[in-house]
Amino acid sequence: MSHSCLLGLVCAVASPGLLLAAPPASSPAAPRVGEAQAQDHAAPRSITAAEAIRLTEERWRGEIVSIELVPARAFERGDVVWSVRLLSEAGALILIRLDAETGDYLSATGVGFVDARRLPGGK
């Protein structure tokens, strides 16, 4: 263990994935995806599902099919993200990922996602 990882505290902050893989004995285990949905209060986040939906609707045209709190990918910051599935006006399924702490957009994928995006000013 390096000197910068004093008591494991700095390592846990610098590498949030460590908490998911092996939480310290003194802290509760990180929730699994299904548990995070059922126990929203246990998930470390700042924006609610309603706020994630509002942010998505402000930026995308279409109908939200589902929203789910899921583990962040290795290259995404934070521990969890909102995964929003949107059915575009053209009928394409678009997957949008939002940072669950800040509401920042992380990614959007799907055929026609560029056409479904609202431009600044609501266009």
Protein backbone atom coordinates (compact mmCIF):
# COMPACT_ATOMS: atom_id res chain seq x y z
CA MET A 1 0.00 0.00 0.00
CA SER A 2 1.40 3.41 -0.89
CA HIS A 3 1.79 6.23 1.60
CA SER A 4 -0.96 8.22 -0.13
CA CYS A 5 -3.46 5.50 0.75
CA LEU A 6 -3.36 6.11 4.48
CA LEU A 7 -5.86 3.73 6.10
CA GLY A 8 -7.42 3.11 2.70
CA LEU A 9 -9.38 6.37 2.87
CA VAL A 10 -7.56 8.18 0.10
CA CYS A 11 -7.64 5.09 -2.13
CA ALA A 12 -11.39 4.76 -1.68
CA VAL A 13 -11.93 8.39 -2.66
CA ALA A 14 -9.50 8.26 -5.57
CA SER A 15 -10.90 4.95 -6.85
CA PRO A 16 -14.66 4.76 -6.20
CA GLY A 17 -14.80 1.37 -7.96
CA LEU A 18 -12.93 -0.10 -5.00
CA LEU A 19 -15.97 0.53 -2.83
CA LEU A 20 -18.16 -1.49 -5.17
CA ALA A 21 -15.72 -4.36 -5.43
CA ALA A 22 -14.69 -4.59 -1.79
CA PRO A 23 -16.20 -2.11 0.67
CA PRO A 24 -14.26 -1.47 3.89
CA ALA A 25 -15.37 -3.66 6.78
CA SER A 26 -16.68 -0.67 8.73
CA SER A 27 -19.00 0.60 5.97
CA PRO A 28 -22.14 -0.98 4.51
CA ALA A 29 -21.86 -2.87 1.24
CA ALA A 30 -22.58 -0.89 -1.92
CA PRO A 31 -26.07 -1.61 -3.31
CA ARG A 32 -26.46 -3.85 -6.35
CA VAL A 33 -28.31 -2.39 -9.33
CA GLY A 34 -31.68 -3.88 -8.33
CA GLU A 35 -31.24 -2.71 -4.76
CA ALA A 36 -30.30 0.79 -5.88
CA GLN A 37 -33.66 1.08 -7.64
CA ALA A 38 -35.60 -0.18 -4.64
CA GLN A 39 -33.57 1.75 -2.06
CA ASP A 40 -32.95 5.10 -3.75
CA HIS A 41 -31.98 6.71 -0.44
CA ALA A 42 -28.97 4.39 -0.18
CA ALA A 43 -27.47 5.37 -3.54
CA PRO A 44 -24.91 8.22 -3.50
CA ARG A 45 -26.42 10.78 -5.85
CA SER A 46 -27.56 14.36 -5.98
CA ILE A 47 -30.24 14.35 -8.68
CA THR A 48 -33.49 12.40 -8.48
CA ALA A 49 -35.06 10.31 -11.22
CA ALA A 50 -37.56 13.14 -11.78
CA GLU A 51 -34.70 15.61 -12.29
CA ALA A 52 -32.95 13.20 -14.69
CA ILE A 53 -36.19 12.91 -16.67
CA ARG A 54 -36.58 16.71 -16.78
CA LEU A 55 -32.98 17.15 -17.98
CA THR A 56 -33.49 14.50 -20.65
CA GLU A 57 -36.76 16.02 -21.89
CA GLU A 58 -35.12 19.46 -22.10
CA ARG A 59 -32.43 18.12 -24.41
CA TRP A 60 -34.13 15.31 -26.38
CA ARG A 61 -37.34 14.86 -28.38
CA GLY A 62 -39.21 11.62 -27.84
CA GLU A 63 -40.84 9.52 -25.17
CA ILE A 64 -38.93 8.23 -22.17
CA VAL A 65 -39.45 4.48 -22.00
CA SER A 66 -37.42 3.75 -18.85
CA ILE A 67 -34.96 5.18 -16.38
CA GLU A 68 -32.65 3.16 -14.20
CA LEU A 69 -29.86 3.83 -11.73
CA VAL A 70 -26.89 1.67 -12.84
CA PRO A 71 -23.20 1.32 -11.94
CA ALA A 72 -20.90 3.75 -13.71
CA ARG A 73 -18.55 2.38 -16.35
CA ALA A 74 -14.83 2.40 -15.58
CA PHE A 75 -14.24 5.59 -17.60
CA GLU A 76 -17.25 7.49 -16.17
CA ARG A 77 -16.82 9.55 -13.05
CA GLY A 78 -18.82 8.68 -9.95
CA ASP A 79 -20.24 5.39 -8.77
CA VAL A 80 -23.67 5.40 -10.42
CA VAL A 81 -25.35 6.95 -13.45
CA TRP A 82 -28.90 7.37 -14.67
CA SER A 83 -29.52 5.25 -17.75
CA VAL A 84 -32.45 6.70 -19.70
CA ARG A 85 -34.04 4.91 -22.66
CA LEU A 86 -35.85 7.25 -25.02
CA LEU A 87 -37.99 6.36 -28.02
CA SER A 88 -37.34 9.07 -30.60
CA GLU A 89 -40.05 10.58 -32.78
CA ALA A 90 -38.58 8.53 -35.64
CA GLY A 91 -39.07 5.32 -33.64
CA ALA A 92 -35.43 4.71 -32.70
CA LEU A 93 -34.35 3.64 -29.22
CA ILE A 94 -31.74 5.98 -27.77
CA LEU A 95 -29.74 5.27 -24.61
CA ILE A 96 -28.74 8.38 -22.67
CA ARG A 97 -26.45 8.28 -19.62
CA LEU A 98 -26.41 11.07 -17.02
CA ASP A 99 -24.06 11.53 -14.09
CA ALA A 100 -26.27 10.76 -11.06
CA GLU A 101 -24.46 13.28 -8.88
CA THR A 102 -24.32 16.30 -11.20
CA GLY A 103 -26.83 15.62 -13.98
CA ASP A 104 -24.11 16.09 -16.61
CA TYR A 105 -24.57 14.18 -19.86
CA LEU A 106 -22.08 11.35 -20.22
CA SER A 107 -23.16 9.75 -23.49
CA ALA A 108 -25.95 9.10 -25.95
CA THR A 109 -26.13 6.19 -28.37
CA GLY A 110 -28.65 4.91 -30.86
CA VAL A 111 -29.62 5.31 -34.48
CA GLY A 112 -30.82 8.86 -35.11
CA PHE A 113 -29.80 10.31 -31.77
CA VAL A 114 -28.49 13.44 -33.50
CA ASP A 115 -31.91 14.10 -35.05
CA ALA A 116 -33.65 13.59 -31.68
CA ARG A 117 -31.49 16.14 -29.88
CA ARG A 118 -33.04 19.49 -29.08
CA LEU A 119 -30.81 22.40 -29.99
CA PRO A 120 -30.35 25.29 -27.56
CA GLY A 121 -33.47 27.39 -27.56
CA GLY A 122 -35.77 24.32 -27.79
CA LYS A 123 -35.43 23.74 -31.56
